[in-house]
Protein backbone atom coordinates (compact mmCIF):
# COMPACT_ATOMS: atom_id res chain seq x y z
CA MET A 1 -52.59 1.03 65.58
CA PRO A 2 -51.22 -1.90 63.56
CA SER A 3 -52.95 -2.37 60.24
CA THR A 4 -53.45 -5.07 57.63
CA GLU A 5 -52.45 -2.65 54.86
CA HIS A 6 -49.04 -3.31 53.33
CA THR A 7 -46.43 -0.62 53.83
CA PRO A 8 -43.26 -0.89 51.70
CA GLY A 9 -40.29 -2.00 53.78
CA HIS A 10 -42.41 -3.52 56.55
CA THR A 11 -43.17 -7.20 56.90
CA PRO A 12 -46.32 -8.58 58.44
CA CYS A 13 -46.40 -10.49 61.70
CA PRO A 14 -46.29 -14.21 60.84
CA GLU A 15 -48.87 -14.92 63.55
CA CYS A 16 -51.60 -12.36 62.85
CA GLY A 17 -50.70 -10.66 59.56
CA PHE A 18 -50.66 -7.12 60.97
CA TYR A 19 -48.10 -4.63 59.64
CA LEU A 20 -46.41 -2.39 62.14
CA ASN A 21 -45.88 1.05 60.63
CA ILE A 22 -43.62 3.82 61.88
CA GLY A 23 -45.25 5.36 64.93
CA ASP A 24 -47.25 2.24 65.78
CA TRP A 25 -46.96 0.58 69.14
CA PRO A 26 -43.97 -1.76 68.79
CA TRP A 27 -45.83 -5.05 68.93
CA CYS A 28 -48.85 -6.77 67.51
CA PRO A 29 -52.23 -6.80 69.28
CA HIS A 30 -51.65 -10.37 70.46
CA GLU A 31 -49.50 -11.39 73.42
CA GLU A 32 -45.81 -12.11 73.05
CA ILE A 33 -45.21 -15.26 70.96
CA HIS A 34 -41.58 -16.00 71.67
CA PRO A 35 -40.11 -15.41 75.10
CA SER A 36 -37.44 -12.74 75.16
CA HIS A 37 -34.56 -12.15 77.50
CA HIS A 38 -36.87 -9.80 79.41
CA THR A 39 -39.18 -12.54 80.60
CA VAL A 40 -39.57 -13.10 84.32
CA HIS A 41 -38.82 -16.55 85.71
CA SER A 42 -42.03 -18.46 86.36
CA SER A 43 -41.30 -18.69 90.10
CA GLU A 44 -41.22 -14.88 90.36
CA ARG A 45 -44.08 -13.86 88.08
CA ALA A 46 -46.90 -11.74 89.40
CA VAL A 47 -50.24 -13.56 89.36
CA VAL A 48 -53.86 -12.47 89.56
CA PHE A 49 -57.14 -14.33 89.35
CA GLU A 50 -59.32 -12.63 86.77
CA ASN A 51 -62.93 -13.19 85.77
CA PRO A 52 -63.00 -12.60 81.98
CA ALA A 53 -66.78 -12.19 81.96
CA THR A 54 -66.94 -9.44 84.59
CA GLY A 55 -63.40 -8.06 84.64
CA GLU A 56 -63.18 -8.62 88.38
CA VAL A 57 -59.69 -9.27 89.73
CA ARG A 58 -58.56 -11.07 92.88
CA TYR A 59 -55.01 -10.91 94.17
CA PRO A 60 -53.62 -14.12 95.69
CA GLY A 61 -51.31 -13.87 98.68
CA ARG A 62 -48.67 -15.92 96.85
CA ASN A 63 -47.88 -16.39 93.18
CA ASP A 64 -47.82 -20.18 93.54
CA ALA A 65 -51.27 -20.39 95.15
CA PRO A 66 -53.88 -22.38 93.22
CA ILE A 67 -57.24 -20.81 92.40
CA PRO A 68 -59.68 -21.52 95.24
CA GLU A 69 -62.70 -23.58 94.21
CA ARG A 70 -65.12 -20.74 94.99
CA TYR A 71 -63.31 -18.54 92.43
CA LYS A 72 -63.24 -21.34 89.85
CA LYS A 73 -66.99 -21.72 90.19
CA GLU A 74 -67.43 -17.98 89.62
CA GLY A 75 -65.38 -18.18 86.40
CA PHE A 76 -62.03 -16.79 87.54
CA VAL A 77 -58.89 -17.87 85.70
CA ARG A 78 -55.23 -17.61 86.68
CA LYS A 79 -53.34 -14.89 84.82
CA GLU A 80 -49.53 -14.70 84.97
CA PHE A 81 -47.46 -11.77 83.75
CA PRO A 82 -44.45 -13.15 81.85
CA THR A 83 -42.76 -9.77 81.39
CA LEU A 84 -42.46 -6.57 83.36
CA ALA A 85 -44.06 -4.75 80.42
CA SER A 86 -47.18 -6.95 80.59
CA LEU A 87 -47.37 -6.37 84.35
CA GLU A 88 -47.04 -2.61 83.86
CA ARG A 89 -49.87 -2.60 81.27
CA PHE A 90 -52.08 -4.38 83.80
CA GLU A 91 -51.05 -1.91 86.53
CA ARG A 92 -51.92 1.11 84.39
CA SER A 93 -55.27 -0.30 83.33
CA HIS A 94 -56.27 -1.19 86.91
CA GLY A 95 -54.64 1.67 88.83
CA VAL A 96 -52.49 -0.62 90.98
CA ARG A 97 -48.77 -1.11 91.60
CA ASN A 98 -46.81 -4.31 92.29
CA ASP A 99 -44.49 -3.63 95.22
CA LYS A 100 -42.17 -6.55 94.51
CA ALA A 101 -41.55 -5.38 90.94
CA HIS A 102 -40.90 -1.74 91.79
CA TYR A 103 -39.42 -1.52 95.27
CA ASN A 104 -36.28 -3.07 96.72
CA GLU A 105 -36.14 -4.33 100.26
CA GLY A 106 -35.23 -1.50 102.58
CA ASN A 107 -36.22 1.49 100.44
CA SER A 108 -39.78 1.98 101.54
CA ALA A 109 -40.89 5.05 103.46
CA ASP A 110 -41.61 3.04 106.60
CA GLN A 111 -38.00 1.86 106.91
CA GLU A 112 -36.18 3.69 109.65
CA ALA A 113 -32.90 5.22 108.55
CA PRO A 114 -29.83 4.09 110.48
CA PRO A 115 -28.68 6.62 113.05
CA ARG A 116 -26.00 9.01 111.84
CA LYS A 117 -22.80 9.44 113.81
CA GLN A 118 -22.57 12.85 115.44
CA LEU A 119 -19.23 14.46 114.64
CA THR A 120 -17.31 16.34 117.27
CA ASP A 121 -16.15 19.89 116.58
CA GLN A 122 -12.59 18.61 116.17
CA GLU A 123 -13.70 16.03 113.55
CA LYS A 124 -15.65 18.69 111.66
CA ARG A 125 -12.57 20.98 111.63
CA GLU A 126 -10.38 18.16 110.30
CA ILE A 127 -12.85 17.31 107.51
CA TRP A 128 -13.07 20.99 106.57
CA GLN A 129 -9.28 21.37 106.51
CA GLU A 130 -8.89 18.24 104.34
CA SER A 131 -11.48 19.55 101.86
CA VAL A 132 -9.77 22.96 101.67
CA GLN A 133 -6.37 21.36 101.09
CA ALA A 134 -7.81 19.08 98.39
CA THR A 135 -9.08 22.08 96.42
CA ARG A 136 -5.65 23.80 96.33
């Protein structure tokens, strides 16, 4: 856990004053201040609607969808995840997984594999002979 105690050789965070010591989590307790090269473009960020008072979360169908009025009235706010790391922290804490961030198109279990060509006995013999010759 970051601390406010000075450790020789470590400098404090200019935003919050915490010192990160060896073995501490590699960032301060506040969110990222300066965007890094690992940030996700705003058009592709994962979005949730979260109620800070209750911790309830709603998942919009699209990341560009505005918060419906009924959710605004209940106190929900829009929360974007600017980095994959911030999205993964949310996933771990809520026991969920973002398919778009972790799966490529075509690699899900429900995708049917393309049919394989059945080799004739002659083709199998030729492949075997080529592999034997290549090892000599």
